Amino acid sequence: MKVHALLIAPVAAITLTFAGAAPAQADGFIGTDNFSAEYTATDYPNSCLIVQNHIGSQLTVRLDYPTGYSHWTIEPEAVVWLDGYDGPVTSPSGNWQLHVYPPVLHSWVFDPYRTRGGSCNGSWIYTAN
């Protein structure tokens, strides 16, 4: 799958906060000894997803919703749009459900101005710390 780099500039954004990280659970989507944590965001139909990896090692992301995609490997300190086979991955309902490896501290921020030239109705930015 294609991965496009993105430079993040300061803009107004809406922040979604969670009471705590989800517990780690066995998943096996990469191999038999791997664990992942499940994270979700909601609202904003036809939104895109940007992943920022600030954990110092590779981060693997698998989408459970929207469906039909495999997984992406995000390099350390990279900021990328998730792309599918025919362009940016968008969520028709605005809901996102993903698993990551390794489990991480994270945050979600919605940015209505990150539209990829009109390909999406704003973007969720998932930051792994």
Foldseek 3Di string as FASTA:
>chain_A
DDKDFDDDDDDDWAWDDDPDFADWDQDQLPHRPWIKGKDKDFDFFQAWEKEAAAPQAWKKKQWPPPDDARIDIDGHRTITTDADPPGTDTHRRRMTMMIMPPYFDKTWIWDQVPCVVVSGRTYIYIYGD
